[in-house]
Amino acid sequence: MLKNGAYYKIINHKYMSIQKTTEDMFRAGAHYGYSKSRRHPTTTPYIFATKNGVDIINIEKTHDLFEKALEQVTKMAQSGKTILFVGTKAEAKQQIIETALSLNMPYVGERWVGGSLTNFPEIKKRITKLLDLRDQKEKGELEKYTKKERLLIDREMADMTKNFQGLSGITRTPDAVFVVDPKKEHIAVTEAHKMNLPVIALMNTDCN
């Protein structure tokens, strides 16, 4: 059993940690929403106030949701689950790609190809074709084709690389999806829901 002094130290440490996180969020501008006219009704409980027509997000509630999401992600990581990172908007894609690569997780940073989750076997065939063409090119086996044919193959490889580079390392559907802006990535979110996959999303006040 903890003595009172130790107990209060733990509580104080937790409080300081929460305070620092909320301060970091505030400095990063995480409290700024969109204009009130763009607000999705489901975000109303998380709005602290509206100033000059712009919604101000409740940082304390954001922190609580962040903690819940972090807890779930931690459990997934401990059990070896795969999380697909999705963020194709210009402001997010570089960070999404870098984060996914640092964690050795799959990602989509360019364009969501319809069926990436709901028709994964077909997507996997295209990924396999890409890897096979790369292997042939490295071995010089594409030299048997004409210059025009090789040009067409290179273009096909470039398109497939753009669309499937981040998915090339997975052999089955992921266990969860992390999305930046579920409104922008609504197709990915819809597919995840159809596959009964958990969705963790970073969103603004215009999202459901």
C-alpha atoms as a PDB file:
ATOM      1  CA  MET A   1       0.000   0.000   0.000  1.00  0.00           C
ATOM      2  CA  LEU A   2       1.273   3.471  -0.894  1.00  0.00           C
ATOM      3  CA  LYS A   3       1.931   5.929   1.870  1.00  0.00           C
ATOM      4  CA  ASN A   4       0.200   9.282   1.552  1.00  0.00           C
ATOM      5  CA  GLY A   5       3.412  11.061   0.546  1.00  0.00           C
ATOM      6  CA  ALA A   6       4.136   8.606  -2.297  1.00  0.00           C
ATOM      7  CA  TYR A   7       0.504   8.676  -3.405  1.00  0.00           C
ATOM      8  CA  TYR A   8       0.456  12.473  -3.677  1.00  0.00           C
ATOM      9  CA  LYS A   9       3.769  12.412  -5.551  1.00  0.00           C
ATOM     10  CA  ILE A  10       2.234  10.106  -8.161  1.00  0.00           C
ATOM     11  CA  ILE A  11      -0.891  12.268  -8.431  1.00  0.00           C
ATOM     12  CA  ASN A  12       1.229  15.413  -8.720  1.00  0.00           C
ATOM     13  CA  HIS A  13       3.434  13.793 -11.413  1.00  0.00           C
ATOM     14  CA  LYS A  14       0.329  12.807 -13.367  1.00  0.00           C
ATOM     15  CA  TYR A  15      -1.080  16.322 -13.043  1.00  0.00           C
ATOM     16  CA  MET A  16       2.178  17.914 -14.211  1.00  0.00           C
ATOM     17  CA  SER A  17       2.323  15.517 -17.170  1.00  0.00           C
ATOM     18  CA  ILE A  18      -1.229  16.423 -18.203  1.00  0.00           C
ATOM     19  CA  GLN A  19      -0.487  20.113 -17.774  1.00  0.00           C
ATOM     20  CA  LYS A  20       2.638  19.904 -19.951  1.00  0.00           C
ATOM     21  CA  THR A  21       0.785  18.010 -22.672  1.00  0.00           C
ATOM     22  CA  THR A  22      -2.069  20.515 -22.753  1.00  0.00           C
ATOM     23  CA  GLU A  23       0.452  23.380 -22.852  1.00  0.00           C
ATOM     24  CA  ASP A  24       2.223  21.700 -25.782  1.00  0.00           C
ATOM     25  CA  MET A  25      -1.115  21.336 -27.577  1.00  0.00           C
ATOM     26  CA  PHE A  26      -1.905  24.988 -26.921  1.00  0.00           C
ATOM     27  CA  ARG A  27       1.466  26.139 -28.278  1.00  0.00           C
ATOM     28  CA  ALA A  28       0.955  23.973 -31.369  1.00  0.00           C
ATOM     29  CA  GLY A  29      -2.405  25.660 -32.009  1.00  0.00           C
ATOM     30  CA  ALA A  30      -4.440  22.498 -31.423  1.00  0.00           C
ATOM     31  CA  HIS A  31      -7.199  24.624 -29.911  1.00  0.00           C
ATOM     32  CA  TYR A  32      -8.022  26.379 -33.177  1.00  0.00           C
ATOM     33  CA  GLY A  33     -11.039  24.997 -35.004  1.00  0.00           C
ATOM     34  CA  TYR A  34     -12.671  26.196 -38.184  1.00  0.00           C
ATOM     35  CA  SER A  35     -15.320  28.879 -38.455  1.00  0.00           C
ATOM     36  CA  LYS A  36     -18.563  28.174 -36.628  1.00  0.00           C
ATOM     37  CA  SER A  37     -20.386  27.913 -39.971  1.00  0.00           C
ATOM     38  CA  ARG A  38     -18.226  24.875 -40.869  1.00  0.00           C
ATOM     39  CA  ARG A  39     -18.759  23.100 -37.549  1.00  0.00           C
ATOM     40  CA  HIS A  40     -20.067  19.535 -37.693  1.00  0.00           C
ATOM     41  CA  PRO A  41     -22.787  19.134 -35.028  1.00  0.00           C
ATOM     42  CA  THR A  42     -21.059  16.112 -33.474  1.00  0.00           C
ATOM     43  CA  THR A  43     -18.094  18.279 -32.428  1.00  0.00           C
ATOM     44  CA  THR A  44     -20.226  20.733 -30.429  1.00  0.00           C
ATOM     45  CA  PRO A  45     -19.539  19.050 -27.029  1.00  0.00           C
ATOM     46  CA  TYR A  46     -15.810  19.614 -27.617  1.00  0.00           C
ATOM     47  CA  ILE A  47     -16.041  23.337 -28.391  1.00  0.00           C
ATOM     48  CA  PHE A  48     -14.852  25.581 -25.550  1.00  0.00           C
ATOM     49  CA  ALA A  49     -15.985  28.864 -27.077  1.00  0.00           C
ATOM     50  CA  THR A  50     -16.336  30.786 -30.321  1.00  0.00           C
ATOM     51  CA  LYS A  51     -14.188  33.866 -30.830  1.00  0.00           C
ATOM     52  CA  ASN A  52     -14.538  36.193 -33.814  1.00  0.00           C
ATOM     53  CA  GLY A  53     -16.560  33.488 -35.553  1.00  0.00           C
ATOM     54  CA  VAL A  54     -13.872  30.818 -35.045  1.00  0.00           C
ATOM     55  CA  ASP A  55     -14.472  27.775 -32.845  1.00  0.00           C
ATOM     56  CA  ILE A  56     -12.013  27.217 -29.995  1.00  0.00           C
ATOM     57  CA  ILE A  57     -11.538  23.547 -29.146  1.00  0.00           C
ATOM     58  CA  ASN A  58     -11.541  22.408 -25.524  1.00  0.00           C
ATOM     59  CA  ILE A  59      -7.918  21.338 -24.997  1.00  0.00           C
ATOM     60  CA  GLU A  60      -8.679  19.435 -21.775  1.00  0.00           C
ATOM     61  CA  LYS A  61     -11.241  17.256 -23.558  1.00  0.00           C
ATOM     62  CA  THR A  62      -8.788  16.840 -26.435  1.00  0.00           C
ATOM     63  CA  HIS A  63      -6.190  15.629 -23.938  1.00  0.00           C
ATOM     64  CA  ASP A  64      -8.630  13.085 -22.462  1.00  0.00           C
ATOM     65  CA  LEU A  65      -9.370  11.665 -25.911  1.00  0.00           C
ATOM     66  CA  PHE A  66      -5.655  11.673 -26.721  1.00  0.00           C
ATOM     67  CA  GLU A  67      -4.984   9.594 -23.587  1.00  0.00           C
ATOM     68  CA  LYS A  68      -7.683   7.075 -24.538  1.00  0.00           C
ATOM     69  CA  ALA A  69      -6.303   6.764 -28.058  1.00  0.00           C
ATOM     70  CA  LEU A  70      -2.759   6.389 -26.727  1.00  0.00           C
ATOM     71  CA  GLU A  71      -3.881   3.635 -24.385  1.00  0.00           C
ATOM     72  CA  GLN A  72      -5.459   1.695 -27.252  1.00  0.00           C
ATOM     73  CA  VAL A  73      -2.440   2.170 -29.530  1.00  0.00           C
ATOM     74  CA  THR A  74      -0.121   1.018 -26.745  1.00  0.00           C
ATOM     75  CA  LYS A  75      -2.142  -2.186 -26.335  1.00  0.00           C
ATOM     76  CA  MET A  76      -2.024  -2.777 -30.087  1.00  0.00           C
ATOM     77  CA  ALA A  77       1.735  -2.250 -30.190  1.00  0.00           C
ATOM     78  CA  GLN A  78       2.307  -4.616 -27.270  1.00  0.00           C
ATOM     79  CA  SER A  79       0.350  -7.350 -29.047  1.00  0.00           C
ATOM     80  CA  GLY A  80       2.136  -6.813 -32.377  1.00  0.00           C
ATOM     81  CA  LYS A  81      -0.824  -5.342 -34.248  1.00  0.00           C
ATOM     82  CA  THR A  82      -0.399  -3.511 -37.549  1.00  0.00           C
ATOM     83  CA  ILE A  83      -1.682   0.053 -37.890  1.00  0.00           C
ATOM     84  CA  LEU A  84      -2.137   1.605 -41.326  1.00  0.00           C
ATOM     85  CA  PHE A  85      -1.261   5.326 -41.365  1.00  0.00           C
ATOM     86  CA  VAL A  86      -3.316   7.420 -43.793  1.00  0.00           C
ATOM     87  CA  GLY A  87      -2.812  11.102 -44.583  1.00  0.00           C
ATOM     88  CA  THR A  88      -2.787  12.405 -48.143  1.00  0.00           C
ATOM     89  CA  LYS A  89      -3.328  16.151 -47.597  1.00  0.00           C
ATOM     90  CA  ALA A  90      -0.251  18.257 -48.240  1.00  0.00           C
ATOM     91  CA  GLU A  91       0.098  19.355 -44.604  1.00  0.00           C
ATOM     92  CA  ALA A  92       0.098  15.781 -43.302  1.00  0.00           C
ATOM     93  CA  LYS A  93       1.565  13.353 -45.789  1.00  0.00           C
ATOM     94  CA  GLN A  94       5.274  13.890 -45.093  1.00  0.00           C
ATOM     95  CA  GLN A  95       4.792  13.449 -41.358  1.00  0.00           C
ATOM     96  CA  ILE A  96       2.590  10.398 -41.946  1.00  0.00           C
ATOM     97  CA  ILE A  97       5.229   8.772 -44.146  1.00  0.00           C
ATOM     98  CA  GLU A  98       8.104   9.544 -41.773  1.00  0.00           C
ATOM     99  CA  THR A  99       6.190   8.321 -38.725  1.00  0.00           C
ATOM    100  CA  ALA A 100       5.051   5.103 -40.404  1.00  0.00           C
ATOM    101  CA  LEU A 101       8.568   4.340 -41.655  1.00  0.00           C
ATOM    102  CA  SER A 102      10.055   4.975 -38.209  1.00  0.00           C
ATOM    103  CA  LEU A 103       7.597   2.444 -36.752  1.00  0.00           C
ATOM    104  CA  ASN A 104       7.897  -0.009 -39.658  1.00  0.00           C
ATOM    105  CA  MET A 105       4.185   0.367 -40.351  1.00  0.00           C
ATOM    106  CA  PRO A 106       2.309   0.611 -43.669  1.00  0.00           C
ATOM    107  CA  TYR A 107       1.088   3.955 -44.935  1.00  0.00           C
ATOM    108  CA  VAL A 108      -0.817   5.789 -47.646  1.00  0.00           C
ATOM    109  CA  GLY A 109       0.542   9.272 -48.241  1.00  0.00           C
ATOM    110  CA  GLU A 110      -0.315  10.003 -51.861  1.00  0.00           C
ATOM    111  CA  ARG A 111      -3.735   8.741 -52.918  1.00  0.00           C
ATOM    112  CA  TRP A 112      -6.162   6.305 -51.385  1.00  0.00           C
ATOM    113  CA  VAL A 113      -6.924   3.611 -53.957  1.00  0.00           C
ATOM    114  CA  GLY A 114     -10.494   2.380 -53.614  1.00  0.00           C
ATOM    115  CA  GLY A 115     -10.595  -1.174 -52.302  1.00  0.00           C
ATOM    116  CA  SER A 116      -7.286  -0.949 -50.431  1.00  0.00           C
ATOM    117  CA  LEU A 117      -9.078  -2.518 -47.457  1.00  0.00           C
ATOM    118  CA  THR A 118     -12.331  -3.964 -48.782  1.00  0.00           C
ATOM    119  CA  ASN A 119     -10.651  -5.618 -51.777  1.00  0.00           C
ATOM    120  CA  PHE A 120      -7.183  -6.177 -50.359  1.00  0.00           C
ATOM    121  CA  PRO A 121      -6.549  -9.489 -52.232  1.00  0.00           C
ATOM    122  CA  GLU A 122      -6.752  -7.596 -55.541  1.00  0.00           C
ATOM    123  CA  ILE A 123      -4.578  -4.771 -54.206  1.00  0.00           C
ATOM    124  CA  LYS A 124      -2.057  -7.371 -53.046  1.00  0.00           C
ATOM    125  CA  LYS A 125      -1.880  -8.762 -56.577  1.00  0.00           C
ATOM    126  CA  ARG A 126      -0.913  -5.319 -57.879  1.00  0.00           C
ATOM    127  CA  ILE A 127       1.697  -4.932 -55.158  1.00  0.00           C
ATOM    128  CA  THR A 128       3.114  -8.354 -56.061  1.00  0.00           C
ATOM    129  CA  LYS A 129       3.258  -7.301 -59.709  1.00  0.00           C
ATOM    130  CA  LEU A 130       5.155  -4.136 -58.753  1.00  0.00           C
ATOM    131  CA  LEU A 131       7.692  -6.100 -56.726  1.00  0.00           C
ATOM    132  CA  ASP A 132       8.074  -8.619 -59.546  1.00  0.00           C
ATOM    133  CA  LEU A 133       8.713  -5.883 -62.138  1.00  0.00           C
ATOM    134  CA  ARG A 134      11.289  -4.270 -59.851  1.00  0.00           C
ATOM    135  CA  ASP A 135      13.046  -7.603 -59.483  1.00  0.00           C
ATOM    136  CA  GLN A 136      13.057  -8.159 -63.247  1.00  0.00           C
ATOM    137  CA  LYS A 137      14.446  -4.678 -63.848  1.00  0.00           C
ATOM    138  CA  GLU A 138      17.261  -5.179 -61.331  1.00  0.00           C
ATOM    139  CA  LYS A 139      18.196  -8.454 -63.033  1.00  0.00           C
ATOM    140  CA  GLY A 140      18.110  -6.875 -66.488  1.00  0.00           C
ATOM    141  CA  GLU A 141      15.277  -9.131 -67.608  1.00  0.00           C
ATOM    142  CA  LEU A 142      13.304  -6.212 -69.085  1.00  0.00           C
ATOM    143  CA  GLU A 143      15.945  -5.648 -71.746  1.00  0.00           C
ATOM    144  CA  LYS A 144      14.158  -8.188 -73.964  1.00  0.00           C
ATOM    145  CA  TYR A 145      11.385  -5.628 -74.526  1.00  0.00           C
ATOM    146  CA  THR A 146      11.518  -2.800 -77.040  1.00  0.00           C
ATOM    147  CA  LYS A 147      12.402   0.705 -75.908  1.00  0.00           C
ATOM    148  CA  LYS A 148       8.760   1.750 -76.195  1.00  0.00           C
ATOM    149  CA  GLU A 149       7.583  -1.260 -74.188  1.00  0.00           C
ATOM    150  CA  ARG A 150      10.158  -0.560 -71.466  1.00  0.00           C
ATOM    151  CA  LEU A 151       8.971   3.055 -71.322  1.00  0.00           C
ATOM    152  CA  LEU A 152       5.386   1.893 -70.776  1.00  0.00           C
ATOM    153  CA  ILE A 153       6.539  -0.557 -68.092  1.00  0.00           C
ATOM    154  CA  ASP A 154       8.480   2.211 -66.339  1.00  0.00           C
ATOM    155  CA  ARG A 155       5.398   4.422 -66.340  1.00  0.00           C
ATOM    156  CA  GLU A 156       3.296   1.593 -64.932  1.00  0.00           C
ATOM    157  CA  MET A 157       5.886   0.989 -62.213  1.00  0.00           C
ATOM    158  CA  ALA A 158       5.970   4.694 -61.359  1.00  0.00           C
ATOM    159  CA  ASP A 159       2.181   4.803 -60.976  1.00  0.00           C
ATOM    160  CA  MET A 160       2.103   1.651 -58.856  1.00  0.00           C
ATOM    161  CA  THR A 161       4.975   2.905 -56.713  1.00  0.00           C
ATOM    162  CA  LYS A 162       3.112   6.142 -56.058  1.00  0.00           C
ATOM    163  CA  ASN A 163      -0.047   4.289 -55.077  1.00  0.00           C
ATOM    164  CA  PHE A 164       1.297   1.215 -53.288  1.00  0.00           C
ATOM    165  CA  GLN A 165       4.811   1.976 -52.021  1.00  0.00           C
ATOM    166  CA  GLY A 166       3.612   2.269 -48.428  1.00  0.00           C
ATOM    167  CA  LEU A 167       1.633  -0.969 -48.627  1.00  0.00           C
ATOM    168  CA  SER A 168       4.337  -3.108 -50.205  1.00  0.00           C
ATOM    169  CA  GLY A 169       5.421  -4.672 -46.927  1.00  0.00           C
ATOM    170  CA  ILE A 170       2.091  -6.058 -45.735  1.00  0.00           C
ATOM    171  CA  THR A 171       0.550  -9.419 -46.593  1.00  0.00           C
ATOM    172  CA  ARG A 172      -2.864  -8.985 -44.954  1.00  0.00           C
ATOM    173  CA  THR A 173      -5.281  -6.247 -43.977  1.00  0.00           C
ATOM    174  CA  PRO A 174      -4.094  -4.105 -41.037  1.00  0.00           C
ATOM    175  CA  ASP A 175      -5.591  -4.331 -37.551  1.00  0.00           C
ATOM    176  CA  ALA A 176      -6.420  -0.614 -37.264  1.00  0.00           C
ATOM    177  CA  VAL A 177      -6.234   2.618 -39.230  1.00  0.00           C
ATOM    178  CA  PHE A 178      -4.806   5.976 -38.124  1.00  0.00           C
ATOM    179  CA  VAL A 179      -6.195   8.840 -40.195  1.00  0.00           C
ATOM    180  CA  VAL A 180      -5.361  12.514 -40.434  1.00  0.00           C
ATOM    181  CA  ASP A 181      -8.602  14.300 -41.363  1.00  0.00           C
ATOM    182  CA  PRO A 182     -11.365  11.666 -41.679  1.00  0.00           C
ATOM    183  CA  LYS A 183     -13.391  14.072 -43.826  1.00  0.00           C
ATOM    184  CA  LYS A 184     -10.637  14.201 -46.435  1.00  0.00           C
ATOM    185  CA  GLU A 185     -10.018  10.442 -46.095  1.00  0.00           C
ATOM    186  CA  HIS A 186     -13.702   9.483 -45.945  1.00  0.00           C
ATOM    187  CA  ILE A 187     -13.277   6.572 -48.365  1.00  0.00           C
ATOM    188  CA  ALA A 188     -10.570   5.026 -46.192  1.00  0.00           C
ATOM    189  CA  VAL A 189     -12.728   5.501 -43.091  1.00  0.00           C
ATOM    190  CA  THR A 190     -15.770   3.971 -44.806  1.00  0.00           C
ATOM    191  CA  GLU A 191     -13.743   0.943 -45.887  1.00  0.00           C
ATOM    192  CA  ALA A 192     -12.303   0.539 -42.382  1.00  0.00           C
ATOM    193  CA  HIS A 193     -15.815   0.579 -40.908  1.00  0.00           C
ATOM    194  CA  LYS A 194     -16.960  -2.032 -43.423  1.00  0.00           C
ATOM    195  CA  MET A 195     -14.050  -4.228 -42.331  1.00  0.00           C
ATOM    196  CA  ASN A 196     -14.829  -3.590 -38.637  1.00  0.00           C
ATOM    197  CA  LEU A 197     -11.395  -2.048 -38.115  1.00  0.00           C
ATOM    198  CA  PRO A 198     -10.813   0.503 -35.342  1.00  0.00           C
ATOM    199  CA  VAL A 199     -10.201   4.021 -36.634  1.00  0.00           C
ATOM    200  CA  ILE A 200      -8.073   6.516 -34.729  1.00  0.00           C
ATOM    201  CA  ALA A 201      -8.406   9.969 -36.249  1.00  0.00           C
ATOM    202  CA  LEU A 202      -6.838  13.379 -35.909  1.00  0.00           C
ATOM    203  CA  MET A 203      -9.642  15.726 -36.841  1.00  0.00           C
ATOM    204  CA  ASN A 204     -10.903  19.289 -36.797  1.00  0.00           C
ATOM    205  CA  THR A 205     -14.302  20.785 -36.101  1.00  0.00           C
ATOM    206  CA  ASP A 206     -15.651  20.109 -39.595  1.00  0.00           C
ATOM    207  CA  CYS A 207     -15.509  16.319 -39.144  1.00  0.00           C
ATOM    208  CA  ASN A 208     -18.068  13.799 -37.896  1.00  0.00           C
END
